[in-house]
Amino acid sequence: MLTVGGAPAPAAAQAQVAERIDGAAASAPEPIRLALIEGLSGSFANAGEAVFRNLVWAVERVNARGGVALPDGRHKLELQRHDSKGNTEEALVLLRAALDRHNAFILQGNSSATAAALIDALDKHNEREPTKRALLLNYSAVDVALTNERCSFWHFRFDAHSDMRLAALTDVLRDDTALKKVYLIGQDYSFGQQVVKRAREMIAFKRPDIEIVGSELHPIGRVKDFAPYVSKIRASGAQAVLTGNWGNDLTLLVKAAREMGLAAKFYTFYGNALGAPAAIGDAGVGAVLAVAEWQPNVGGRASDAFYAAFRERFPDPHDDYVHVRMQVMVEMLASAIERARSTEATAVARALEGLRFDAARLGGLHDAVMRAGDHQLQQPLVVSVMDRVGAKGVARDVEGSGYGFRTLRRFEAAQVEQPHRCSMPPP
């Protein structure tokens, strides 16, 4: 079920459906509303729309089996779409509106700065309005502070945080013995700053012989031409670039690198889609690496079936980029509600703590557990490298680009698990 801005859409279609509702349907349990607050227009609209597609599919899959079982019957999930335009202040306005409508489940992820602001606002609201509490379910905001010194009982993260991703990425980088010079570049906000800082530390620890020949932070979402940055990278003599850039800030960076003939590897968080492979083309073969919880060429019956089902639902190649973690998030929320026998935020939060994901819900594809101490999901990670579709290990391309990713190394959850500094007072 989908609504826009909290209201059913389109009105004409809803009216036609309403005419056919009989008494039994009219008395069906209220849907469980999930308020997505995300940048669905502006510089990072492509990233927001990719999130939306994933969540639509996750909600549809839960609803297809009857919804979420509660003592008064089975409740369907209803995904509400709210466009923050990539602006934190707008996101806070939308949060207040969602809370006024008694939404208990807020979904957000693209921007750690926005996530931090929403967490702070929810902390205050939940203390002030104990009968109207809500949870923030985070699928992409990976600033490590959000489940460390800025952790909150009301926040759960379903993506691997930046230190977990870096642990995997720098392990692969460490094993590239020919690599001697690395350039660090990131977006100038909390997440990008953290990635550059921790990447420097991890590389120094794992490969003290590697020289960091440059370190750069640029305005987020405002750079239209990365040629000046690529010129600096080339002049530095860097053999590799490590970046946490996402959305258009990554696509435009790798596009400028291709156009200027930069011969360097890219160790990325998100280089496996949203236009990046097509933008860099053949220059990315064997040179662009990405880290994620899954990618379409990991192999195995469960993975192949999962990806085939997504592409059947969204056949347009431009709608590619499926995230296992977003499916896991919705499935774990449904399980926690059933476990709590309630949609009340505190009860659901308690049910989520320590919850193991039932991998059977994705055909046995993914193992994960929500660590109770910091509300950080622990899950496997995969580092992969770009290659032409049809090459060994690359049966599927991304976004119809002709390029896919080949798995270099899989890390079990325990291999990338990081200690935490979270101390959450009881609600």
Protein backbone atom coordinates (compact mmCIF):
# COMPACT_ATOMS: atom_id res chain seq x y z
CA MET A 1 0.00 0.00 0.00
CA LEU A 2 1.34 3.45 -0.91
CA THR A 3 0.41 6.98 0.07
CA VAL A 4 2.04 10.26 -0.90
CA GLY A 5 2.54 12.86 1.81
CA GLY A 6 0.37 10.75 4.10
CA ALA A 7 -2.66 10.99 1.79
CA PRO A 8 -3.89 8.20 -0.54
CA ALA A 9 -3.11 8.71 -4.22
CA PRO A 10 -4.41 8.99 -6.82
CA ALA A 11 -7.76 10.28 -5.55
CA ALA A 12 -9.83 9.01 -8.48
CA ALA A 13 -8.52 5.48 -8.16
CA GLN A 14 -9.07 5.51 -4.41
CA ALA A 15 -12.66 6.65 -4.91
CA GLN A 16 -13.35 3.79 -7.30
CA VAL A 17 -11.91 1.32 -4.85
CA ALA A 18 -13.96 2.81 -2.00
CA GLU A 19 -17.18 2.15 -3.90
CA ARG A 20 -16.39 -1.57 -3.90
CA ILE A 21 -15.51 -1.92 -0.22
CA ASP A 22 -17.97 -4.16 1.58
CA GLY A 23 -18.63 -4.32 5.30
CA ALA A 24 -15.97 -6.94 5.99
CA ALA A 25 -13.24 -5.01 4.22
CA ALA A 26 -14.27 -1.78 5.92
CA SER A 27 -13.64 -3.39 9.30
CA ALA A 28 -10.16 -4.67 8.36
CA PRO A 29 -7.41 -3.80 10.85
CA GLU A 30 -5.71 -0.45 10.42
CA PRO A 31 -2.52 -0.56 8.34
CA ILE A 32 0.85 -0.14 10.01
CA ARG A 33 2.20 3.09 8.58
CA LEU A 34 5.87 3.54 7.69
CA ALA A 35 6.86 7.17 7.06
CA LEU A 36 9.74 7.42 4.58
CA ILE A 37 11.48 10.81 4.88
CA GLU A 38 14.03 11.05 2.09
CA GLY A 39 15.48 13.31 -0.58
CA LEU A 40 13.34 12.33 -3.57
CA SER A 41 14.17 15.44 -5.58
CA GLY A 42 17.27 17.58 -5.90
CA SER A 43 20.92 16.55 -6.23
CA PHE A 44 20.47 13.07 -4.76
CA ALA A 45 17.04 12.20 -6.13
CA ASN A 46 18.44 9.11 -7.88
CA ALA A 47 19.62 7.70 -4.54
CA GLY A 48 16.28 8.52 -2.89
CA GLU A 49 14.26 6.88 -5.65
CA ALA A 50 16.42 3.74 -5.43
CA VAL A 51 15.57 3.57 -1.72
CA PHE A 52 11.90 4.05 -2.45
CA ARG A 53 11.80 1.19 -4.97
CA ASN A 54 13.47 -1.16 -2.51
CA LEU A 55 11.05 -0.27 0.26
CA VAL A 56 8.03 -0.58 -2.03
CA TRP A 57 9.12 -4.10 -2.91
CA ALA A 58 9.81 -5.03 0.72
CA VAL A 59 6.38 -3.80 1.81
CA GLU A 60 4.68 -5.61 -1.07
CA ARG A 61 6.37 -8.86 -0.11
CA VAL A 62 5.19 -8.65 3.50
CA ASN A 63 1.68 -7.72 2.41
CA ALA A 64 1.57 -10.55 -0.13
CA ARG A 65 1.68 -13.06 2.70
CA GLY A 66 -1.12 -11.28 4.55
CA GLY A 67 0.78 -8.57 6.40
CA VAL A 68 1.87 -8.50 10.04
CA ALA A 69 0.11 -10.77 12.55
CA LEU A 70 -1.18 -9.08 15.70
CA PRO A 71 -3.74 -10.24 18.30
CA ASP A 72 -6.56 -8.41 16.48
CA GLY A 73 -5.71 -9.80 13.04
CA ARG A 74 -3.26 -9.28 10.21
CA HIS A 75 -2.26 -5.70 9.42
CA LYS A 76 -0.93 -4.58 6.06
CA LEU A 77 2.06 -2.26 5.88
CA GLU A 78 1.52 1.17 4.32
CA LEU A 79 4.53 3.07 2.97
CA GLN A 80 4.16 6.85 3.10
CA ARG A 81 6.44 8.87 0.85
CA HIS A 82 7.71 12.26 2.08
CA ASP A 83 10.22 14.30 0.05
CA SER A 84 12.74 16.20 2.16
CA LYS A 85 14.43 17.49 -1.01
CA GLY A 86 17.74 16.52 0.58
CA ASN A 87 17.33 19.27 3.18
CA THR A 88 17.68 18.57 6.90
CA GLU A 89 15.34 21.36 8.00
CA GLU A 90 12.67 20.08 5.61
CA ALA A 91 13.19 16.56 6.99
CA LEU A 92 12.56 17.85 10.52
CA VAL A 93 9.33 19.53 9.39
CA LEU A 94 8.22 16.25 7.81
CA LEU A 95 9.15 14.37 10.99
CA ARG A 96 6.96 16.65 13.09
CA ALA A 97 4.07 16.14 10.69
CA ALA A 98 4.52 12.35 10.79
CA LEU A 99 4.60 12.38 14.59
CA ASP A 100 1.45 14.50 14.68
CA ARG A 101 -0.22 11.71 12.69
CA HIS A 102 1.03 9.20 15.31
CA ASN A 103 3.45 7.43 12.93
CA ALA A 104 5.47 5.06 15.11
CA PHE A 105 8.01 4.10 12.43
CA ILE A 106 10.16 6.65 10.60
CA LEU A 107 12.46 5.48 7.77
CA GLN A 108 15.48 7.54 6.66
CA GLY A 109 19.07 6.99 5.59
CA ASN A 110 20.55 9.12 2.79
CA SER A 111 22.58 11.63 4.87
CA SER A 112 24.09 11.02 8.26
CA ALA A 113 23.68 14.72 9.10
CA THR A 114 19.92 14.43 8.58
CA ALA A 115 19.81 11.17 10.53
CA ALA A 116 21.58 12.82 13.47
CA ALA A 117 19.08 15.69 13.48
CA LEU A 118 16.12 13.29 13.33
CA ILE A 119 17.54 11.20 16.17
CA ASP A 120 17.93 14.30 18.36
CA ALA A 121 14.39 15.41 17.55
CA LEU A 122 12.98 11.94 18.28
CA ASP A 123 14.81 11.76 21.61
CA LYS A 124 13.13 14.99 22.70
CA HIS A 125 9.71 14.04 21.33
CA ASN A 126 9.69 10.58 22.92
CA GLU A 127 10.61 12.01 26.31
CA ARG A 128 7.94 14.69 26.02
CA GLU A 129 5.21 12.48 24.52
CA PRO A 130 5.59 8.98 26.03
CA THR A 131 2.24 7.82 24.61
CA LYS A 132 3.23 8.84 21.04
CA ARG A 133 6.75 7.47 20.78
CA ALA A 134 8.37 6.56 17.46
CA LEU A 135 11.46 4.74 16.16
CA LEU A 136 13.92 5.77 13.46
CA LEU A 137 14.89 2.88 11.18
CA ASN A 138 18.08 3.81 9.33
CA TYR A 139 19.07 1.98 6.14
CA SER A 140 21.99 4.09 4.83
CA ALA A 141 23.27 6.78 7.22
CA VAL A 142 26.59 5.19 8.16
CA ASP A 143 28.41 7.78 10.29
CA VAL A 144 29.86 5.58 13.04
CA ALA A 145 28.92 8.14 15.73
CA LEU A 146 25.21 7.33 15.31
CA THR A 147 25.66 3.98 17.06
CA ASN A 148 28.52 5.14 19.27
CA GLU A 149 28.65 8.41 21.22
CA ARG A 150 25.42 9.67 19.60
CA CYS A 151 23.50 6.41 19.96
CA SER A 152 19.84 6.40 20.95
CA PHE A 153 17.39 3.78 22.16
CA TRP A 154 15.02 5.02 19.46
CA HIS A 155 17.42 4.53 16.55
CA PHE A 156 18.28 1.26 14.77
CA ARG A 157 20.81 1.04 11.93
CA PHE A 158 20.48 -1.69 9.29
CA ASP A 159 23.48 -0.72 7.16
CA ALA A 160 27.09 -1.48 8.08
CA HIS A 161 28.56 1.70 9.53
CA SER A 162 31.54 3.44 7.98
CA ASP A 163 34.20 1.73 10.13
CA MET A 164 32.77 -1.70 9.29
CA ARG A 165 32.85 -0.89 5.57
CA LEU A 166 36.35 0.56 5.85
CA ALA A 167 37.57 -2.51 7.74
CA ALA A 168 36.63 -4.68 4.76
CA LEU A 169 37.80 -2.25 2.09
CA THR A 170 41.19 -1.59 3.69
CA ASP A 171 41.80 -5.32 4.20
CA VAL A 172 41.57 -5.72 0.42
CA LEU A 173 43.66 -2.59 -0.13
CA ARG A 174 46.31 -3.96 2.27
CA ASP A 175 46.75 -7.05 0.09
CA ASP A 176 47.53 -4.98 -3.04
CA THR A 177 51.30 -5.11 -2.58
CA ALA A 178 52.00 -2.89 -5.59
CA LEU A 179 50.05 -0.03 -4.06
CA LYS A 180 52.25 2.68 -2.52
CA LYS A 181 50.33 5.98 -2.88
CA VAL A 182 46.69 6.68 -1.97
CA TYR A 183 44.51 9.80 -2.22
CA LEU A 184 41.55 10.32 0.12
CA ILE A 185 38.52 12.36 -0.96
CA GLY A 186 35.11 12.77 0.63
CA GLN A 187 32.04 14.92 1.10
CA ASP A 188 32.43 17.69 3.66
CA TYR A 189 29.99 16.64 6.36
CA SER A 190 30.08 14.29 9.33
CA PHE A 191 30.13 11.03 7.34
CA GLY A 192 32.67 12.13 4.73
CA GLN A 193 34.93 13.62 7.40
CA GLN A 194 34.80 10.38 9.41
CA VAL A 195 35.64 8.23 6.37
CA VAL A 196 38.71 10.30 5.49
CA LYS A 197 39.92 10.35 9.10
CA ARG A 198 39.45 6.64 9.76
CA ALA A 199 40.76 5.60 6.34
CA ARG A 200 44.01 7.39 7.11
CA GLU A 201 44.25 5.59 10.48
CA MET A 202 43.39 2.13 9.14
CA ILE A 203 45.80 2.38 6.22
CA ALA A 204 48.59 3.54 8.55
CA PHE A 205 47.96 0.55 10.79
CA LYS A 206 47.58 -2.10 8.08
CA ARG A 207 50.07 -0.74 5.52
CA PRO A 208 52.45 1.78 7.12
CA ASP A 209 54.49 1.78 3.90
CA ILE A 210 51.64 3.42 1.95
CA GLU A 211 51.87 7.19 1.55
CA ILE A 212 48.71 9.31 1.77
CA VAL A 213 49.55 11.79 -1.00
CA GLY A 214 46.42 13.91 -0.67
CA SER A 215 43.32 14.39 1.46
CA GLU A 216 40.37 16.43 0.25
CA LEU A 217 36.85 17.33 1.43
CA HIS A 218 34.43 18.98 -0.98
CA PRO A 219 30.95 20.54 -0.56
CA ILE A 220 28.25 17.87 -0.59
CA GLY A 221 25.91 17.93 -3.57
CA ARG A 222 27.20 21.22 -4.97
CA VAL A 223 30.18 20.28 -7.17
CA LYS A 224 29.17 19.99 -10.83
CA ASP A 225 32.66 19.56 -12.27
CA PHE A 226 35.21 17.38 -10.47
CA ALA A 227 37.96 18.07 -13.01
CA PRO A 228 39.91 20.33 -10.59
CA TYR A 229 39.86 17.57 -7.96
CA VAL A 230 40.96 14.93 -10.47
CA SER A 231 43.79 17.23 -11.58
CA LYS A 232 45.05 17.30 -7.98
CA ILE A 233 44.78 13.52 -7.70
CA ARG A 234 46.72 13.00 -10.93
CA ALA A 235 49.40 15.52 -9.92
CA SER A 236 49.84 13.71 -6.58
CA GLY A 237 50.91 10.51 -8.30
CA ALA A 238 48.22 8.52 -6.48
CA GLN A 239 47.80 4.92 -7.62
CA ALA A 240 44.45 4.63 -5.82
CA VAL A 241 41.63 6.83 -4.56
CA LEU A 242 39.57 5.91 -1.50
CA THR A 243 36.19 7.63 -1.17
CA GLY A 244 32.92 7.33 0.67
CA ASN A 245 31.18 9.57 -1.90
CA TRP A 246 27.66 8.55 -2.88
CA GLY A 247 25.00 9.60 -5.39
CA ASN A 248 25.96 12.17 -8.00
CA ASP A 249 29.05 13.17 -6.03
CA LEU A 250 30.49 9.74 -6.83
CA THR A 251 29.17 9.49 -10.39
CA LEU A 252 30.58 12.89 -11.36
CA LEU A 253 33.91 12.13 -9.69
CA VAL A 254 34.47 8.87 -11.60
CA LYS A 255 33.16 10.46 -14.80
CA ALA A 256 35.79 13.21 -14.53
CA ALA A 257 38.44 10.59 -13.80
CA ARG A 258 37.54 8.72 -16.99
CA GLU A 259 37.44 11.84 -19.15
CA MET A 260 40.85 12.96 -17.87
CA GLY A 261 42.41 9.52 -18.23
CA LEU A 262 43.25 9.09 -14.56
CA ALA A 263 44.98 5.72 -14.18
CA ALA A 264 44.11 4.94 -10.58
CA LYS A 265 42.05 2.38 -8.72
CA PHE A 266 38.95 3.57 -6.88
CA TYR A 267 38.19 1.98 -3.52
CA THR A 268 34.58 3.05 -2.93
CA PHE A 269 31.64 2.52 -0.63
CA TYR A 270 29.07 2.88 -3.43
CA GLY A 271 30.77 2.52 -6.82
CA ASN A 272 28.57 -0.39 -7.89
CA ALA A 273 25.55 1.53 -9.21
CA LEU A 274 23.62 4.83 -9.54
CA GLY A 275 25.33 5.55 -12.85
CA ALA A 276 28.94 5.09 -11.71
CA PRO A 277 29.81 1.99 -13.81
CA ALA A 278 28.35 3.47 -16.99
CA ALA A 279 30.07 6.80 -16.29
CA ILE A 280 33.54 5.29 -16.06
CA GLY A 281 33.15 2.54 -18.69
CA ASP A 282 36.08 0.32 -19.65
CA ALA A 283 38.44 2.40 -17.49
CA GLY A 284 36.74 0.90 -14.44
CA VAL A 285 37.37 -2.74 -15.34
CA GLY A 286 39.57 -4.16 -12.62
CA ALA A 287 39.92 -0.66 -11.15
CA VAL A 288 36.67 0.25 -9.35
CA LEU A 289 36.01 -1.61 -6.11
CA ALA A 290 32.89 -1.41 -3.95
CA VAL A 291 31.81 -2.74 -0.57
CA ALA A 292 28.25 -3.76 0.30
CA GLU A 293 26.26 -6.33 2.21
CA TRP A 294 25.50 -8.13 -1.08
CA GLN A 295 25.81 -7.76 -4.84
CA PRO A 296 23.99 -9.58 -7.67
CA ASN A 297 26.95 -11.78 -8.65
CA VAL A 298 27.69 -13.34 -5.26
CA GLY A 299 26.25 -16.59 -6.65
CA GLY A 300 24.03 -19.26 -5.18
CA ARG A 301 20.41 -20.25 -5.74
CA ALA A 302 18.99 -17.94 -3.06
CA SER A 303 20.87 -14.89 -4.35
CA ASP A 304 19.94 -15.56 -7.97
CA ALA A 305 16.26 -16.04 -7.11
CA PHE A 306 16.23 -12.89 -4.98
CA TYR A 307 17.70 -10.75 -7.75
CA ALA A 308 15.48 -12.29 -10.44
CA ALA A 309 12.39 -11.48 -8.37
CA PHE A 310 13.47 -7.86 -7.98
CA ARG A 311 14.11 -7.46 -11.71
CA GLU A 312 10.75 -9.02 -12.48
CA ARG A 313 9.13 -6.37 -10.26
CA PHE A 314 11.30 -3.55 -11.73
CA PRO A 315 12.29 -4.63 -15.26
CA ASP A 316 13.61 -1.24 -16.41
CA PRO A 317 17.43 -1.41 -16.19
CA HIS A 318 17.45 2.16 -14.87
CA ASP A 319 15.51 0.89 -11.83
CA ASP A 320 18.28 -1.53 -10.87
CA TYR A 321 20.24 -1.32 -7.55
CA VAL A 322 18.58 -3.63 -5.07
CA HIS A 323 19.64 -3.52 -1.41
CA VAL A 324 19.38 -6.64 0.73
CA ARG A 325 19.63 -4.52 3.88
CA MET A 326 16.39 -2.67 3.11
CA GLN A 327 14.55 -5.96 2.67
CA VAL A 328 16.07 -7.16 5.94
CA MET A 329 14.98 -3.95 7.70
CA VAL A 330 11.32 -4.29 6.75
CA GLU A 331 11.29 -8.02 7.48
CA MET A 332 12.90 -7.52 10.89
CA LEU A 333 10.44 -4.75 11.74
CA ALA A 334 7.54 -7.06 10.86
CA SER A 335 9.07 -9.82 13.00
CA ALA A 336 9.63 -7.45 15.94
CA ILE A 337 6.04 -6.20 15.82
CA GLU A 338 4.79 -9.77 15.86
CA ARG A 339 7.20 -10.65 18.67
CA ALA A 340 6.05 -7.61 20.71
CA ARG A 341 2.39 -8.28 19.83
CA SER A 342 2.13 -4.51 19.51
CA THR A 343 3.05 -1.53 17.34
CA GLU A 344 3.99 0.57 20.41
CA ALA A 345 7.49 1.93 19.80
CA THR A 346 9.06 0.91 23.12
CA ALA A 347 7.79 -2.66 22.88
CA VAL A 348 8.95 -2.98 19.26
CA ALA A 349 12.38 -1.57 20.15
CA ARG A 350 12.77 -4.15 22.91
CA ALA A 351 11.77 -6.88 20.45
CA LEU A 352 14.32 -5.66 17.89
CA GLU A 353 17.18 -5.77 20.38
CA GLY A 354 19.12 -8.97 19.84
CA LEU A 355 16.71 -10.09 17.11
CA ARG A 356 18.17 -12.51 14.57
CA PHE A 357 16.98 -12.14 11.02
CA ASP A 358 15.07 -15.14 9.76
CA ALA A 359 17.08 -15.72 6.59
CA ALA A 360 14.38 -18.09 5.33
CA ARG A 361 12.30 -15.01 4.52
CA LEU A 362 14.82 -14.26 1.76
CA GLY A 363 15.26 -17.86 0.73
CA GLY A 364 18.15 -18.34 3.15
CA LEU A 365 20.13 -15.51 1.54
CA HIS A 366 21.31 -13.35 4.44
CA ASP A 367 22.30 -13.82 8.08
CA ALA A 368 22.11 -10.85 10.42
CA VAL A 369 21.52 -9.93 14.05
CA MET A 370 20.61 -6.60 15.65
CA ARG A 371 23.23 -6.01 18.36
CA ALA A 372 21.38 -4.93 21.50
CA GLY A 373 24.19 -2.83 22.92
CA ASP A 374 24.21 -0.18 20.19
CA HIS A 375 21.34 -1.07 17.82
CA GLN A 376 23.82 -1.76 15.00
CA LEU A 377 23.00 -4.61 12.61
CA GLN A 378 25.79 -7.15 12.31
CA GLN A 379 25.92 -8.73 8.84
CA PRO A 380 28.36 -10.05 6.20
CA LEU A 381 30.04 -7.70 3.73
CA VAL A 382 31.34 -8.28 0.21
CA VAL A 383 34.12 -6.40 -1.58
CA SER A 384 33.83 -6.66 -5.36
CA VAL A 385 35.53 -5.24 -8.44
CA MET A 386 34.03 -3.94 -11.68
CA ASP A 387 34.27 -6.11 -14.81
CA ARG A 388 32.52 -6.59 -18.13
CA VAL A 389 29.35 -8.63 -18.02
CA GLY A 390 30.08 -12.16 -19.21
CA ALA A 391 33.51 -12.28 -17.60
CA LYS A 392 34.05 -15.08 -15.12
CA GLY A 393 31.96 -14.40 -12.02
CA VAL A 394 30.01 -11.56 -13.67
CA ALA A 395 26.79 -13.05 -15.00
CA ARG A 396 24.78 -9.86 -14.41
CA ASP A 397 25.47 -6.23 -15.18
CA VAL A 398 24.10 -3.24 -13.26
CA GLU A 399 21.62 -0.74 -14.70
CA GLY A 400 22.01 -2.20 -18.20
CA SER A 401 25.52 -0.71 -18.35
CA GLY A 402 27.27 -3.82 -19.65
CA TYR A 403 29.39 -3.83 -16.50
CA GLY A 404 28.92 -5.81 -13.33
CA PHE A 405 30.94 -6.68 -10.24
CA ARG A 406 32.96 -9.77 -9.40
CA THR A 407 33.37 -10.80 -5.78
CA LEU A 408 36.93 -10.42 -4.51
CA ARG A 409 36.34 -11.31 -0.89
CA ARG A 410 33.45 -12.06 1.45
CA PHE A 411 33.67 -11.07 5.11
CA GLU A 412 31.56 -12.76 7.74
CA ALA A 413 29.85 -10.50 10.25
CA ALA A 414 32.38 -11.35 12.97
CA GLN A 415 35.27 -10.27 10.73
CA VAL A 416 34.00 -6.70 10.35
CA GLU A 417 32.31 -6.30 13.73
CA GLN A 418 33.62 -3.23 15.58
CA PRO A 419 33.57 -2.35 19.30
CA HIS A 420 31.13 0.36 20.33
CA ARG A 421 31.03 3.19 22.84
CA CYS A 422 27.26 3.39 23.11
CA SER A 423 25.60 3.94 26.49
CA MET A 424 21.82 4.14 26.17
CA PRO A 425 19.76 5.13 29.20
CA PRO A 426 16.53 3.13 29.53
CA PRO A 427 13.43 4.81 28.10
